Amino acid sequence: MATYSIAQAKDHLSKLIDEALAGEDVTITRHGKPVAELRPARATGAGRLSPELIDRIAATAKTLPPLGESGADIVRRMRDEYP
């Protein structure tokens, strides 16, 4: 893990970004204490969920107890009960 002071980070920001993009952990310190970490930004998938996340959601949903009625019926009941 590479560690740099704030002054070093200001002088070599491009280099630190390249290190982070290469997968190296980059920590920036102030007075010897870690205050920030650099890592590549996550690519956004235009609102699409990753297949791994979809699988995790589906697995979690299977562990939940059944509702006993359809989602549409629940929404209708809630709508009708609202004053």
Protein backbone atom coordinates (compact mmCIF):
# COMPACT_ATOMS: atom_id res chain seq x y z
CA MET A 1 0.00 0.00 0.00
CA ALA A 2 1.42 3.38 -1.03
CA THR A 3 1.09 6.23 1.46
CA TYR A 4 1.56 9.90 0.62
CA SER A 5 1.24 13.14 2.55
CA ILE A 6 -1.20 15.74 1.28
CA ALA A 7 1.71 17.82 -0.04
CA GLN A 8 3.09 14.83 -1.96
CA ALA A 9 -0.38 14.02 -3.28
CA LYS A 10 -0.80 17.58 -4.58
CA ASP A 11 2.57 17.43 -6.35
CA HIS A 12 2.03 13.97 -7.88
CA LEU A 13 -1.72 13.60 -8.27
CA SER A 14 -1.55 12.17 -11.79
CA LYS A 15 0.92 9.52 -10.66
CA LEU A 16 -1.27 8.58 -7.69
CA ILE A 17 -4.31 8.27 -9.92
CA ASP A 18 -2.37 5.99 -12.27
CA GLU A 19 -1.32 3.84 -9.30
CA ALA A 20 -4.92 3.57 -8.12
CA LEU A 21 -6.07 2.65 -11.63
CA ALA A 22 -3.39 -0.04 -11.69
CA GLY A 23 -4.98 -1.59 -8.60
CA GLU A 24 -2.58 -0.31 -5.95
CA ASP A 25 -4.00 0.96 -2.67
CA VAL A 26 -3.16 4.66 -2.32
CA THR A 27 -3.58 6.36 1.05
CA ILE A 28 -3.21 10.09 1.67
CA THR A 29 -2.21 11.21 5.14
CA ARG A 30 -2.33 14.42 7.15
CA HIS A 31 0.13 14.66 10.02
CA GLY A 32 0.86 10.95 9.58
CA LYS A 33 -2.78 9.85 9.92
CA PRO A 34 -4.77 8.42 7.00
CA VAL A 35 -7.44 10.84 5.79
CA ALA A 36 -8.29 9.60 2.28
CA GLU A 37 -7.94 6.61 -0.01
CA LEU A 38 -7.77 6.66 -3.80
CA ARG A 39 -9.34 3.92 -5.86
CA PRO A 40 -10.85 3.76 -9.33
CA ALA A 41 -14.39 5.02 -9.67
CA ARG A 42 -16.99 2.37 -10.25
CA ALA A 43 -18.39 2.37 -13.75
CA THR A 44 -22.08 3.08 -13.81
CA GLY A 45 -24.12 0.72 -15.91
CA ALA A 46 -26.78 3.23 -16.99
CA GLY A 47 -29.07 2.06 -14.21
CA ARG A 48 -28.62 -1.63 -14.87
CA LEU A 49 -28.01 -4.05 -12.04
CA SER A 50 -25.11 -6.45 -12.30
CA PRO A 51 -25.99 -10.14 -12.75
CA GLU A 52 -24.29 -10.88 -9.43
CA LEU A 53 -26.51 -8.38 -7.60
CA ILE A 54 -29.61 -9.77 -9.30
CA ASP A 55 -28.64 -13.27 -8.14
CA ARG A 56 -28.10 -12.02 -4.57
CA ILE A 57 -31.48 -10.28 -4.54
CA ALA A 58 -33.21 -13.39 -5.89
CA ALA A 59 -31.52 -15.60 -3.29
CA THR A 60 -32.57 -13.23 -0.50
CA ALA A 61 -36.15 -13.06 -1.81
CA LYS A 62 -36.40 -16.87 -1.69
CA THR A 63 -35.66 -16.81 2.05
CA LEU A 64 -38.56 -14.44 2.82
CA PRO A 65 -41.94 -15.80 3.92
CA PRO A 66 -44.76 -15.68 1.34
CA LEU A 67 -47.06 -12.66 1.45
CA GLY A 68 -50.29 -14.63 1.19
CA GLU A 69 -51.70 -12.31 -1.48
CA SER A 70 -50.48 -10.77 -4.71
CA GLY A 71 -48.63 -7.49 -4.83
CA ALA A 72 -51.46 -5.95 -6.83
CA ASP A 73 -53.96 -6.97 -4.14
CA ILE A 74 -51.78 -5.44 -1.43
CA VAL A 75 -51.53 -2.15 -3.34
CA ARG A 76 -55.31 -2.10 -3.97
CA ARG A 77 -56.02 -2.78 -0.29
CA MET A 78 -53.62 -0.04 0.80
CA ARG A 79 -55.16 2.37 -1.72
CA ASP A 80 -58.70 1.59 -0.60
CA GLU A 81 -57.81 1.98 3.09
CA TYR A 82 -56.27 5.40 2.52
CA PRO A 83 -58.78 8.13 3.51
